[in-house]
Structure formats: structure tokens, C-alpha cells
Amino acid sequence: MPTTFTLPPENEIIPAVQAQLTFRKEADSFRLRREAEAMEYIRSRTPIPIPSILDMHIDINDDQPGWILMERIPGRQLDDAWPTMTETAKARCISELQSYLHQLHSLRPPGSGWIGSCSGGPAYDHRLDNMTTCGPFATIPEFNDFLVAPVKNCPRQEWVAKYRNMLRDDYSIIFAHADLSGENILVDPTNGCVTGIVDREMAGFWPE
């Protein structure tokens, strides 16, 4: 007698398979737009491993969170994998990261001193928003003025000039991940190969 079995409903199969192959990220639309733009910008200019975007919903006029559906990249987070890796694997990982960062930093902004997103709009950095959008800025002095603007609300107004004078206006502008950490780097712990670099919502042209 042949063996028989019953398939689960289709709507139970697809999510299970999808969860193994894809990753869905939800956030406010401004952040997601910055990330999607940065992913495509880097993909078109470098061989740095980045997940492919499969689908997304981003509406800056919608109060609801947007989402990006992307391929799930294999690998473990570097900060988790590092203690288990051999010295040879660690050396390869370091070498690949150095190469990828050099490629990123070699990308140039549309104008000298220009700071902002890769699409020409404002950048995103949760540490620098000052309760408003971050740029774009035409010059480094303009960016530095933005950084010290909150100090103007302090009772000690002499601090404004003090802190502003501590900021240099002669940095080079490079394309940076701006939030690179072991949590955002995926590796194959057996050989140290970098399989992906993720979470690029803060990527853009920043002072070095």
C-alpha cells in the first residue's frame, strides 16, 4: 500500500521557505530609502558582497513603517565567529575587510567638501540628527556648524565658539558605512571569507 501524506496549506509552506532564503527589514521609510539607495550604489560600483533587494515598500508620505525584502546572506556575525576562527581565517577576514573599505573610501562625492547621501539627499545618522534631517551640506564648515548648533541652546554661550574651534574644516570626504561593527559583518568562520556587509542606512559621504 503506497505511503500517503497531507501537505500543509500553501500559506504555511511559503513563509517557511521564504524565511530561510530572505530577510525582511522594517523601519521608517526615510531610513529604508537611505539603505536601499546605498545598497544599489555600492553594488553598481564595487564587488563588495551585499544582499540583493527582492521587493520593498517605501512611502515617505506614509506614517506606517516601510519594509525591504532582501536575500538572506549566509554566514555568521563576525563578533560571534571571531573567537572560533583560526589565525589563517582571521588573516583572510582582515585582508578582505581592508580591501572592501579601501574600495568604499575611494568613492567620491559629487563635489569637493560635499556631505550627504549617495543620491544627493540628506544623510541619516541617529547620533547626529539634532531633531532634524542631516544635510546635505555643501561644505565641511557647514556640516561642523550643524554639529555645534545644539550648543547654542546652552546657558554658556562661550562654549559655542569653543567647541566649533575644536572641529577641523580640512577633512577629506569619503564614502563610509558609518555604522560598521562586528554585528554588521557576516563571515564564513571556516575560512574567514567575508560573505556580506549589511545595515547601510547610515552609509553616505562623510568626513574621514
N, C-alpha and C. Protein backbone atom coordinates (compact mmCIF):
# COMPACT_ATOMS: atom_id res chain seq x y z
N MET A 1 0.85 -1.18 0.00
CA MET A 1 0.00 0.00 0.00
C MET A 1 0.90 1.24 0.00
N PRO A 2 0.69 2.21 -0.94
CA PRO A 2 1.55 3.39 -1.01
C PRO A 2 1.41 4.27 0.22
N THR A 3 2.52 4.88 0.56
CA THR A 3 2.51 5.81 1.68
C THR A 3 1.80 7.09 1.28
N THR A 4 0.98 7.60 2.13
CA THR A 4 0.26 8.84 1.85
C THR A 4 0.63 9.89 2.88
N PHE A 5 0.54 11.14 2.47
CA PHE A 5 0.78 12.22 3.41
C PHE A 5 -0.01 13.43 2.95
N THR A 6 -0.23 14.35 3.85
CA THR A 6 -1.01 15.54 3.56
C THR A 6 -0.12 16.77 3.64
N LEU A 7 -0.11 17.55 2.56
CA LEU A 7 0.67 18.78 2.57
C LEU A 7 -0.01 19.83 3.42
N PRO A 8 0.74 20.64 4.13
CA PRO A 8 0.14 21.75 4.86
C PRO A 8 -0.39 22.78 3.86
N PRO A 9 -1.27 23.65 4.29
CA PRO A 9 -1.78 24.69 3.40
C PRO A 9 -0.63 25.49 2.79
N GLU A 10 -0.85 25.98 1.55
CA GLU A 10 0.20 26.70 0.84
C GLU A 10 0.71 27.90 1.64
N ASN A 11 -0.19 28.59 2.35
CA ASN A 11 0.23 29.79 3.07
C ASN A 11 1.09 29.46 4.28
N GLU A 12 1.24 28.18 4.60
CA GLU A 12 2.16 27.78 5.66
C GLU A 12 3.51 27.35 5.08
N ILE A 13 3.50 26.88 3.82
CA ILE A 13 4.74 26.45 3.19
C ILE A 13 5.59 27.65 2.79
N ILE A 14 4.98 28.59 2.10
CA ILE A 14 5.72 29.70 1.53
C ILE A 14 6.46 30.51 2.59
N PRO A 15 5.81 30.91 3.70
CA PRO A 15 6.56 31.67 4.70
C PRO A 15 7.76 30.90 5.26
N ALA A 16 7.62 29.59 5.41
CA ALA A 16 8.72 28.80 5.96
C ALA A 16 9.92 28.80 5.01
N VAL A 17 9.65 28.62 3.72
CA VAL A 17 10.73 28.64 2.74
C VAL A 17 11.31 30.04 2.62
N GLN A 18 10.42 31.02 2.60
CA GLN A 18 10.85 32.41 2.46
C GLN A 18 11.76 32.83 3.61
N ALA A 19 11.45 32.38 4.81
CA ALA A 19 12.25 32.75 5.98
C ALA A 19 13.67 32.22 5.88
N GLN A 20 13.86 31.10 5.18
CA GLN A 20 15.20 30.53 5.03
C GLN A 20 16.02 31.26 3.97
N LEU A 21 15.34 31.84 2.98
CA LEU A 21 16.03 32.42 1.83
C LEU A 21 16.05 33.94 1.84
N THR A 22 15.18 34.55 2.62
CA THR A 22 15.06 36.00 2.57
C THR A 22 15.09 36.61 3.97
N PHE A 23 15.26 37.91 3.99
CA PHE A 23 15.24 38.66 5.25
C PHE A 23 14.43 39.92 5.02
N ARG A 24 13.47 40.18 5.88
CA ARG A 24 12.62 41.36 5.76
C ARG A 24 12.98 42.35 6.86
N LYS A 25 13.30 43.56 6.46
CA LYS A 25 13.68 44.60 7.41
C LYS A 25 12.63 45.69 7.40
N GLU A 26 12.15 46.05 8.59
CA GLU A 26 11.16 47.11 8.72
C GLU A 26 11.76 48.29 9.48
N ALA A 27 11.43 49.48 9.04
CA ALA A 27 11.89 50.71 9.70
C ALA A 27 11.12 51.87 9.09
N ASP A 28 11.39 53.08 9.58
CA ASP A 28 10.72 54.22 8.97
C ASP A 28 11.25 54.40 7.55
N SER A 29 10.41 54.95 6.68
CA SER A 29 10.71 54.99 5.26
C SER A 29 11.96 55.80 4.93
N PHE A 30 12.24 56.85 5.69
CA PHE A 30 13.43 57.65 5.41
C PHE A 30 14.69 56.81 5.55
N ARG A 31 14.79 56.06 6.64
CA ARG A 31 15.96 55.21 6.86
C ARG A 31 16.07 54.13 5.80
N LEU A 32 14.94 53.49 5.47
CA LEU A 32 14.97 52.42 4.49
C LEU A 32 15.36 52.93 3.10
N ARG A 33 14.89 54.11 2.77
CA ARG A 33 15.26 54.68 1.47
C ARG A 33 16.76 54.91 1.39
N ARG A 34 17.35 55.44 2.48
CA ARG A 34 18.80 55.64 2.50
C ARG A 34 19.52 54.30 2.33
N GLU A 35 19.01 53.26 2.99
CA GLU A 35 19.68 51.96 2.91
C GLU A 35 19.57 51.37 1.51
N ALA A 36 18.38 51.40 0.92
CA ALA A 36 18.19 50.84 -0.42
C ALA A 36 19.07 51.56 -1.44
N GLU A 37 19.13 52.87 -1.34
CA GLU A 37 19.97 53.65 -2.27
C GLU A 37 21.44 53.29 -2.11
N ALA A 38 21.89 53.17 -0.85
CA ALA A 38 23.29 52.84 -0.60
C ALA A 38 23.64 51.44 -1.11
N MET A 39 22.74 50.49 -0.92
CA MET A 39 22.99 49.13 -1.37
C MET A 39 23.18 49.08 -2.88
N GLU A 40 22.29 49.74 -3.62
CA GLU A 40 22.40 49.72 -5.07
C GLU A 40 23.60 50.53 -5.55
N TYR A 41 23.90 51.61 -4.87
CA TYR A 41 25.06 52.44 -5.23
C TYR A 41 26.35 51.64 -5.10
N ILE A 42 26.51 50.94 -3.99
CA ILE A 42 27.72 50.17 -3.76
C ILE A 42 27.79 48.97 -4.70
N ARG A 43 26.66 48.31 -4.91
CA ARG A 43 26.63 47.13 -5.78
C ARG A 43 27.07 47.49 -7.21
N SER A 44 26.67 48.66 -7.68
CA SER A 44 26.97 49.05 -9.06
C SER A 44 28.40 49.53 -9.24
N ARG A 45 29.14 49.72 -8.15
CA ARG A 45 30.48 50.29 -8.25
C ARG A 45 31.58 49.45 -7.63
N THR A 46 31.22 48.44 -6.86
CA THR A 46 32.23 47.61 -6.19
C THR A 46 31.77 46.15 -6.17
N PRO A 47 32.70 45.22 -5.89
CA PRO A 47 32.32 43.81 -5.73
C PRO A 47 32.00 43.44 -4.28
N ILE A 48 31.83 44.43 -3.43
CA ILE A 48 31.53 44.17 -2.02
C ILE A 48 30.24 43.36 -1.91
N PRO A 49 30.24 42.24 -1.16
CA PRO A 49 29.04 41.40 -1.05
C PRO A 49 27.92 42.09 -0.29
N ILE A 50 26.81 42.29 -0.99
CA ILE A 50 25.65 42.96 -0.43
C ILE A 50 24.41 42.17 -0.84
N PRO A 51 23.43 42.00 0.04
CA PRO A 51 22.23 41.25 -0.35
C PRO A 51 21.45 41.96 -1.46
N SER A 52 20.85 41.16 -2.34
CA SER A 52 20.01 41.72 -3.40
C SER A 52 18.65 42.09 -2.83
N ILE A 53 18.12 43.22 -3.28
CA ILE A 53 16.77 43.63 -2.88
C ILE A 53 15.76 42.93 -3.78
N LEU A 54 14.83 42.21 -3.18
CA LEU A 54 13.82 41.47 -3.93
C LEU A 54 12.52 42.24 -4.07
N ASP A 55 12.18 43.00 -3.05
CA ASP A 55 10.94 43.78 -3.08
C ASP A 55 11.02 44.79 -1.94
N MET A 56 10.23 45.85 -2.04
CA MET A 56 10.22 46.82 -0.95
C MET A 56 8.98 47.69 -1.04
N HIS A 57 8.64 48.28 0.10
CA HIS A 57 7.57 49.27 0.17
C HIS A 57 8.11 50.44 0.97
N ILE A 58 8.34 51.54 0.28
CA ILE A 58 8.86 52.75 0.92
C ILE A 58 8.03 53.93 0.46
N ASP A 59 7.32 54.54 1.38
CA ASP A 59 6.47 55.69 1.06
C ASP A 59 6.73 56.76 2.11
N ILE A 60 7.43 57.82 1.72
CA ILE A 60 7.80 58.85 2.70
C ILE A 60 6.59 59.62 3.19
N ASN A 61 5.45 59.48 2.50
CA ASN A 61 4.23 60.17 2.93
C ASN A 61 3.34 59.30 3.80
N ASP A 62 3.81 58.09 4.09
CA ASP A 62 3.04 57.13 4.88
C ASP A 62 3.61 57.08 6.30
N ASP A 63 2.74 57.18 7.30
CA ASP A 63 3.19 57.13 8.69
C ASP A 63 3.58 55.72 9.13
N GLN A 64 3.15 54.72 8.37
CA GLN A 64 3.45 53.34 8.74
C GLN A 64 4.89 52.99 8.34
N PRO A 65 5.52 52.07 9.07
CA PRO A 65 6.88 51.66 8.71
C PRO A 65 6.93 51.06 7.31
N GLY A 66 8.02 51.29 6.62
CA GLY A 66 8.23 50.64 5.33
C GLY A 66 8.96 49.33 5.54
N TRP A 67 9.23 48.64 4.45
CA TRP A 67 9.96 47.38 4.56
C TRP A 67 10.77 47.11 3.29
N ILE A 68 11.83 46.35 3.46
CA ILE A 68 12.65 45.86 2.36
C ILE A 68 12.76 44.35 2.51
N LEU A 69 12.48 43.63 1.44
CA LEU A 69 12.67 42.18 1.41
C LEU A 69 13.94 41.91 0.60
N MET A 70 14.91 41.31 1.23
CA MET A 70 16.20 41.06 0.57
C MET A 70 16.61 39.61 0.75
N GLU A 71 17.55 39.19 -0.08
CA GLU A 71 18.05 37.82 0.06
C GLU A 71 18.78 37.67 1.39
N ARG A 72 18.69 36.50 1.96
CA ARG A 72 19.40 36.21 3.21
C ARG A 72 20.81 35.73 2.88
N ILE A 73 21.79 36.45 3.37
CA ILE A 73 23.19 36.11 3.09
C ILE A 73 23.68 35.07 4.10
N PRO A 74 24.39 34.05 3.64
CA PRO A 74 24.93 33.06 4.59
C PRO A 74 26.07 33.66 5.40
N GLY A 75 26.36 33.02 6.50
CA GLY A 75 27.48 33.48 7.32
C GLY A 75 27.05 33.80 8.74
N ARG A 76 28.05 33.97 9.60
CA ARG A 76 27.81 34.34 11.00
C ARG A 76 28.32 35.74 11.25
N GLN A 77 27.73 36.39 12.24
CA GLN A 77 28.22 37.71 12.60
C GLN A 77 29.67 37.60 13.07
N LEU A 78 30.48 38.55 12.64
CA LEU A 78 31.91 38.48 12.91
C LEU A 78 32.23 38.47 14.40
N ASP A 79 31.53 39.29 15.19
CA ASP A 79 31.84 39.33 16.62
C ASP A 79 31.52 38.00 17.31
N ASP A 80 30.61 37.23 16.73
CA ASP A 80 30.28 35.91 17.28
C ASP A 80 31.25 34.85 16.76
N ALA A 81 31.66 34.98 15.51
CA ALA A 81 32.50 33.95 14.89
C ALA A 81 33.98 34.10 15.23
N TRP A 82 34.43 35.32 15.49
CA TRP A 82 35.86 35.59 15.65
C TRP A 82 36.58 34.68 16.64
N PRO A 83 36.04 34.43 17.84
CA PRO A 83 36.77 33.59 18.80
C PRO A 83 36.99 32.16 18.32
N THR A 84 36.18 31.69 17.38
CA THR A 84 36.28 30.31 16.91
C THR A 84 37.13 30.17 15.65
N MET A 85 37.57 31.28 15.07
CA MET A 85 38.29 31.24 13.80
C MET A 85 39.78 30.99 14.00
N THR A 86 40.38 30.31 13.03
CA THR A 86 41.82 30.07 13.06
C THR A 86 42.56 31.37 12.71
N GLU A 87 43.85 31.40 12.99
CA GLU A 87 44.64 32.58 12.66
C GLU A 87 44.66 32.83 11.15
N THR A 88 44.66 31.75 10.38
CA THR A 88 44.62 31.89 8.92
C THR A 88 43.31 32.51 8.47
N ALA A 89 42.21 32.05 9.06
CA ALA A 89 40.90 32.60 8.71
C ALA A 89 40.79 34.06 9.12
N LYS A 90 41.32 34.39 10.29
CA LYS A 90 41.29 35.78 10.75
C LYS A 90 42.09 36.68 9.81
N ALA A 91 43.24 36.19 9.36
CA ALA A 91 44.07 36.98 8.46
C ALA A 91 43.35 37.25 7.14
N ARG A 92 42.65 36.24 6.63
CA ARG A 92 41.91 36.43 5.38
C ARG A 92 40.77 37.43 5.58
N CYS A 93 40.09 37.31 6.70
CA CYS A 93 38.98 38.22 7.00
C CYS A 93 39.48 39.67 7.06
N ILE A 94 40.58 39.89 7.76
CA ILE A 94 41.14 41.24 7.87
C ILE A 94 41.54 41.77 6.50
N SER A 95 42.17 40.93 5.69
CA SER A 95 42.61 41.35 4.37
C SER A 95 41.42 41.74 3.48
N GLU A 96 40.36 40.95 3.52
CA GLU A 96 39.19 41.25 2.70
C GLU A 96 38.51 42.53 3.17
N LEU A 97 38.40 42.70 4.48
CA LEU A 97 37.78 43.92 5.00
C LEU A 97 38.58 45.16 4.62
N GLN A 98 39.90 45.06 4.69
CA GLN A 98 40.74 46.19 4.30
C GLN A 98 40.51 46.55 2.84
N SER A 99 40.40 45.53 1.99
CA SER A 99 40.16 45.77 0.57
C SER A 99 38.81 46.42 0.33
N TYR A 100 37.77 45.90 1.01
CA TYR A 100 36.43 46.45 0.83
C TYR A 100 36.34 47.89 1.33
N LEU A 101 36.96 48.17 2.46
CA LEU A 101 36.93 49.53 2.99
C LEU A 101 37.69 50.49 2.08
N HIS A 102 38.79 50.03 1.52
CA HIS A 102 39.54 50.87 0.58
C HIS A 102 38.68 51.21 -0.64
N GLN A 103 37.94 50.22 -1.13
CA GLN A 103 37.06 50.46 -2.27
C GLN A 103 35.96 51.46 -1.92
N LEU A 104 35.38 51.31 -0.74
CA LEU A 104 34.34 52.25 -0.30
C LEU A 104 34.89 53.66 -0.21
N HIS A 105 36.03 53.79 0.45
CA HIS A 105 36.60 55.11 0.70
C HIS A 105 37.12 55.77 -0.58
N SER A 106 37.28 54.98 -1.63
CA SER A 106 37.74 55.54 -2.90
C SER A 106 36.61 56.20 -3.69
N LEU A 107 35.37 55.93 -3.32
CA LEU A 107 34.23 56.57 -3.98
C LEU A 107 34.19 58.04 -3.59
N ARG A 108 33.91 58.89 -4.53
CA ARG A 108 34.00 60.32 -4.29
C ARG A 108 32.63 61.00 -4.39
N PRO A 109 32.42 62.05 -3.60
CA PRO A 109 31.14 62.78 -3.62
C PRO A 109 31.00 63.60 -4.90
N PRO A 110 29.79 64.10 -5.18
CA PRO A 110 29.58 64.88 -6.40
C PRO A 110 30.34 66.20 -6.43
N GLY A 111 30.76 66.71 -5.28
CA GLY A 111 31.52 67.95 -5.24
C GLY A 111 32.47 67.95 -4.08
N SER A 112 33.55 68.69 -4.18
CA SER A 112 34.55 68.75 -3.11
C SER A 112 33.93 69.31 -1.83
N GLY A 113 34.09 68.57 -0.74
CA GLY A 113 33.54 69.01 0.54
C GLY A 113 32.09 68.68 0.75
N TRP A 114 31.45 68.04 -0.24
CA TRP A 114 30.01 67.77 -0.15
C TRP A 114 29.75 66.59 0.78
N ILE A 115 28.73 66.71 1.65
CA ILE A 115 28.38 65.68 2.63
C ILE A 115 26.89 65.37 2.52
N GLY A 116 26.56 64.09 2.37
CA GLY A 116 25.16 63.70 2.27
C GLY A 116 25.04 62.26 1.79
N SER A 117 23.85 61.88 1.35
CA SER A 117 23.61 60.51 0.89
C SER A 117 24.15 60.33 -0.52
N CYS A 118 24.22 59.08 -0.96
CA CYS A 118 24.75 58.79 -2.29
C CYS A 118 23.82 59.28 -3.40
N SER A 119 22.57 59.57 -3.08
CA SER A 119 21.61 60.03 -4.08
C SER A 119 21.54 61.55 -4.15
N GLY A 120 22.33 62.23 -3.33
CA GLY A 120 22.33 63.68 -3.34
C GLY A 120 21.40 64.31 -2.32
N GLY A 121 20.78 63.49 -1.48
CA GLY A 121 19.86 64.00 -0.47
C GLY A 121 20.49 64.02 0.91
N PRO A 122 19.66 64.22 1.94
CA PRO A 122 20.18 64.22 3.31
C PRO A 122 20.67 62.84 3.72
N ALA A 123 21.64 62.81 4.59
CA ALA A 123 22.14 61.55 5.13
C ALA A 123 21.35 61.21 6.39
N TYR A 124 21.61 60.01 6.93
CA TYR A 124 20.96 59.61 8.18
C TYR A 124 22.03 59.13 9.15
N ASP A 125 21.99 59.66 10.34
CA ASP A 125 22.84 59.18 11.43
C ASP A 125 22.09 59.47 12.72
N HIS A 126 21.69 58.42 13.42
CA HIS A 126 20.88 58.60 14.63
C HIS A 126 21.64 59.36 15.72
N ARG A 127 22.96 59.49 15.58
CA ARG A 127 23.75 60.22 16.57
C ARG A 127 23.84 61.71 16.26
N LEU A 128 23.45 62.10 15.03
CA LEU A 128 23.70 63.47 14.59
C LEU A 128 22.46 64.20 14.11
N ASP A 129 21.27 63.64 14.29
CA ASP A 129 20.11 64.24 13.62
C ASP A 129 19.70 65.60 14.20
N ASN A 130 20.08 65.87 15.45
CA ASN A 130 19.72 67.16 16.07
C ASN A 130 18.24 67.48 15.90
N MET A 131 17.42 66.43 15.88
CA MET A 131 15.96 66.56 15.74
C MET A 131 15.57 67.11 14.37
N THR A 132 16.43 66.94 13.37
CA THR A 132 16.11 67.38 12.02
C THR A 132 16.88 66.51 11.05
N THR A 133 16.65 66.68 9.74
CA THR A 133 17.39 65.90 8.76
C THR A 133 18.85 66.34 8.75
N CYS A 134 19.72 65.45 8.32
CA CYS A 134 21.16 65.70 8.35
C CYS A 134 21.65 66.03 6.95
N GLY A 135 21.65 67.30 6.61
CA GLY A 135 22.15 67.74 5.32
C GLY A 135 21.12 67.67 4.21
N PRO A 136 21.63 67.64 2.96
CA PRO A 136 23.04 67.60 2.60
C PRO A 136 23.76 68.92 2.87
N PHE A 137 25.07 68.83 2.97
CA PHE A 137 25.89 70.01 3.25
C PHE A 137 26.85 70.25 2.09
N ALA A 138 26.99 71.49 1.69
CA ALA A 138 27.85 71.83 0.56
C ALA A 138 29.32 71.88 0.94
N THR A 139 29.60 72.10 2.23
CA THR A 139 30.98 72.22 2.68
C THR A 139 31.15 71.60 4.06
N ILE A 140 32.38 71.32 4.43
CA ILE A 140 32.67 70.81 5.76
C ILE A 140 32.37 71.85 6.84
N PRO A 141 32.71 73.14 6.67
CA PRO A 141 32.33 74.13 7.68
C PRO A 141 30.82 74.16 7.93
N GLU A 142 30.03 73.99 6.88
CA GLU A 142 28.58 73.98 7.06
C GLU A 142 28.15 72.78 7.90
N PHE A 143 28.78 71.63 7.67
CA PHE A 143 28.50 70.43 8.46
C PHE A 143 28.90 70.63 9.91
N ASN A 144 30.07 71.21 10.15
CA ASN A 144 30.53 71.44 11.52
C ASN A 144 29.64 72.43 12.26
N ASP A 145 29.12 73.43 11.56
CA ASP A 145 28.18 74.36 12.18
C ASP A 145 26.92 73.63 12.63
N PHE A 146 26.51 72.66 11.83
CA PHE A 146 25.34 71.84 12.18
C PHE A 146 25.60 71.04 13.46
N LEU A 147 26.82 70.53 13.60
CA LEU A 147 27.15 69.71 14.77
C LEU A 147 27.08 70.51 16.07
N VAL A 148 27.50 71.76 16.03
CA VAL A 148 27.54 72.56 17.26
C VAL A 148 26.26 73.35 17.48
N ALA A 149 25.32 73.28 16.55
CA ALA A 149 24.08 74.06 16.68
C ALA A 149 23.36 73.83 18.00
N PRO A 150 23.25 72.58 18.51
CA PRO A 150 22.54 72.38 19.78
C PRO A 150 23.19 73.10 20.96
N VAL A 151 24.51 73.34 20.88
CA VAL A 151 25.21 74.00 21.98
C VAL A 151 24.69 75.43 22.17
N LYS A 152 24.14 76.01 21.12
CA LYS A 152 23.64 77.38 21.20
C LYS A 152 22.48 77.51 22.19
N ASN A 153 21.86 76.37 22.53
CA ASN A 153 20.76 76.38 23.49
C ASN A 153 21.24 76.28 24.93
N CYS A 154 22.54 76.13 25.12
CA CYS A 154 23.09 76.03 26.47
C CYS A 154 23.28 77.43 27.07
N PRO A 155 23.24 77.54 28.39
CA PRO A 155 23.41 78.86 29.02
C PRO A 155 24.81 79.43 28.84
N ARG A 156 25.81 78.58 28.64
CA ARG A 156 27.19 79.04 28.48
C ARG A 156 27.47 79.25 26.99
N GLN A 157 27.15 80.41 26.47
CA GLN A 157 27.29 80.67 25.04
C GLN A 157 28.74 80.65 24.56
N GLU A 158 29.67 80.86 25.48
CA GLU A 158 31.07 80.83 25.07
C GLU A 158 31.49 79.43 24.62
N TRP A 159 30.69 78.42 25.01
CA TRP A 159 31.00 77.06 24.59
C TRP A 159 30.82 76.87 23.09
N VAL A 160 29.95 77.66 22.47
CA VAL A 160 29.69 77.51 21.04
C VAL A 160 30.99 77.67 20.26
N ALA A 161 31.68 78.78 20.48
CA ALA A 161 32.94 79.03 19.78
C ALA A 161 34.01 78.03 20.21
N LYS A 162 33.99 77.65 21.49
CA LYS A 162 34.99 76.71 21.99
C LYS A 162 34.90 75.38 21.25
N TYR A 163 33.69 74.83 21.17
CA TYR A 163 33.53 73.54 20.51
C TYR A 163 33.71 73.65 19.00
N ARG A 164 33.23 74.77 18.43
CA ARG A 164 33.39 74.92 16.97
C ARG A 164 34.86 74.99 16.59
N ASN A 165 35.67 75.63 17.41
CA ASN A 165 37.10 75.75 17.11
C ASN A 165 37.83 74.42 17.22
N MET A 166 37.20 73.45 17.88
CA MET A 166 37.81 72.13 18.01
C MET A 166 37.60 71.27 16.77
N LEU A 167 36.71 71.70 15.88
CA LEU A 167 36.38 70.92 14.69
C LEU A 167 37.16 71.43 13.49
N ARG A 168 37.89 70.55 12.85
CA ARG A 168 38.67 70.93 11.67
C ARG A 168 37.78 71.06 10.44
N ASP A 169 38.19 71.91 9.54
CA ASP A 169 37.44 72.12 8.30
C ASP A 169 38.18 71.59 7.08
N ASP A 170 39.22 70.79 7.30
CA ASP A 170 40.05 70.35 6.18
C ASP A 170 40.08 68.84 5.99
N TYR A 171 39.04 68.14 6.45
CA TYR A 171 38.97 66.70 6.24
C TYR A 171 38.68 66.37 4.78
N SER A 172 39.12 65.18 4.36
CA SER A 172 38.68 64.64 3.08
C SER A 172 37.30 64.02 3.25
N ILE A 173 36.51 64.01 2.19
CA ILE A 173 35.19 63.39 2.24
C ILE A 173 35.27 62.03 1.56
N ILE A 174 34.82 61.00 2.25
CA ILE A 174 34.85 59.64 1.71
C ILE A 174 33.46 59.01 1.84
N PHE A 175 33.25 57.95 1.09
CA PHE A 175 32.02 57.19 1.27
C PHE A 175 32.26 56.18 2.38
N ALA A 176 31.43 56.21 3.41
CA ALA A 176 31.64 55.37 4.59
C ALA A 176 30.37 54.61 4.95
N HIS A 177 30.55 53.45 5.54
CA HIS A 177 29.43 52.68 6.06
C HIS A 177 28.78 53.42 7.21
N ALA A 178 29.59 54.02 8.06
CA ALA A 178 29.19 54.88 9.18
C ALA A 178 28.60 54.13 10.37
N ASP A 179 28.47 52.82 10.28
CA ASP A 179 27.99 52.04 11.43
C ASP A 179 28.60 50.65 11.39
N LEU A 180 29.85 50.56 10.95
CA LEU A 180 30.48 49.26 10.77
C LEU A 180 30.89 48.67 12.11
N SER A 181 30.47 47.44 12.35
CA SER A 181 30.81 46.73 13.58
C SER A 181 30.76 45.25 13.30
N GLY A 182 31.17 44.45 14.27
CA GLY A 182 31.14 43.01 14.11
C GLY A 182 29.75 42.46 13.90
N GLU A 183 28.73 43.19 14.32
CA GLU A 183 27.35 42.74 14.12
C GLU A 183 26.91 42.88 12.67
N ASN A 184 27.54 43.80 11.93
CA ASN A 184 27.12 44.08 10.56
C ASN A 184 28.01 43.43 9.51
N ILE A 185 28.94 42.61 9.96
CA ILE A 185 29.84 41.90 9.04
C ILE A 185 29.56 40.40 9.18
N LEU A 186 29.26 39.74 8.07
CA LEU A 186 28.99 38.31 8.07
C LEU A 186 30.17 37.58 7.45
N VAL A 187 30.57 36.48 8.06
CA VAL A 187 31.74 35.74 7.59
C VAL A 187 31.45 34.24 7.59
N ASP A 188 32.25 33.52 6.80
CA ASP A 188 32.31 32.07 6.89
C ASP A 188 33.43 31.76 7.88
N PRO A 189 33.11 31.30 9.08
CA PRO A 189 34.15 31.12 10.10
C PRO A 189 35.17 30.05 9.77
N THR A 190 34.86 29.17 8.82
CA THR A 190 35.80 28.10 8.48
C THR A 190 37.00 28.60 7.70
N ASN A 191 36.81 29.69 6.93
CA ASN A 191 37.92 30.18 6.12
C ASN A 191 38.14 31.70 6.21
N GLY A 192 37.25 32.40 6.93
CA GLY A 192 37.41 33.84 7.10
C GLY A 192 36.86 34.68 5.97
N CYS A 193 36.24 34.05 4.99
CA CYS A 193 35.69 34.80 3.85
C CYS A 193 34.55 35.70 4.32
N VAL A 194 34.59 36.97 3.93
CA VAL A 194 33.51 37.90 4.25
C VAL A 194 32.36 37.64 3.29
N THR A 195 31.23 37.20 3.80
CA THR A 195 30.10 36.85 2.94
C THR A 195 29.11 37.99 2.76
N GLY A 196 29.18 38.99 3.63
CA GLY A 196 28.26 40.12 3.47
C GLY A 196 28.54 41.23 4.46
N ILE A 197 28.21 42.45 4.05
CA ILE A 197 28.25 43.62 4.93
C ILE A 197 26.87 44.26 4.86
N VAL A 198 26.20 44.38 5.99
CA VAL A 198 24.79 44.76 6.00
C VAL A 198 24.56 46.02 6.84
N ASP A 199 23.29 46.43 6.91
CA ASP A 199 22.84 47.60 7.69
C ASP A 199 23.54 48.87 7.22
N ARG A 200 23.10 49.38 6.08
CA ARG A 200 23.77 50.53 5.47
C ARG A 200 22.91 51.79 5.47
N GLU A 201 21.96 51.89 6.37
CA GLU A 201 21.09 53.07 6.35
C GLU A 201 21.83 54.36 6.65
N MET A 202 23.00 54.26 7.30
CA MET A 202 23.77 55.47 7.61
C MET A 202 24.92 55.70 6.63
N ALA A 203 25.03 54.84 5.63
CA ALA A 203 26.11 54.99 4.65
C ALA A 203 25.92 56.26 3.83
N GLY A 204 27.03 56.89 3.51
CA GLY A 204 26.97 58.11 2.71
C GLY A 204 28.33 58.76 2.66
N PHE A 205 28.36 59.97 2.16
CA PHE A 205 29.61 60.72 2.09
C PHE A 205 29.78 61.53 3.37
N TRP A 206 30.84 61.18 4.12
CA TRP A 206 31.11 61.78 5.42
C TRP A 206 32.57 62.22 5.50
N PRO A 207 32.90 63.14 6.42
CA PRO A 207 34.31 63.45 6.66
C PRO A 207 35.05 62.21 7.15
N GLU A 208 36.27 62.04 6.68
CA GLU A 208 37.05 60.84 7.05
C GLU A 208 37.27 60.74 8.55
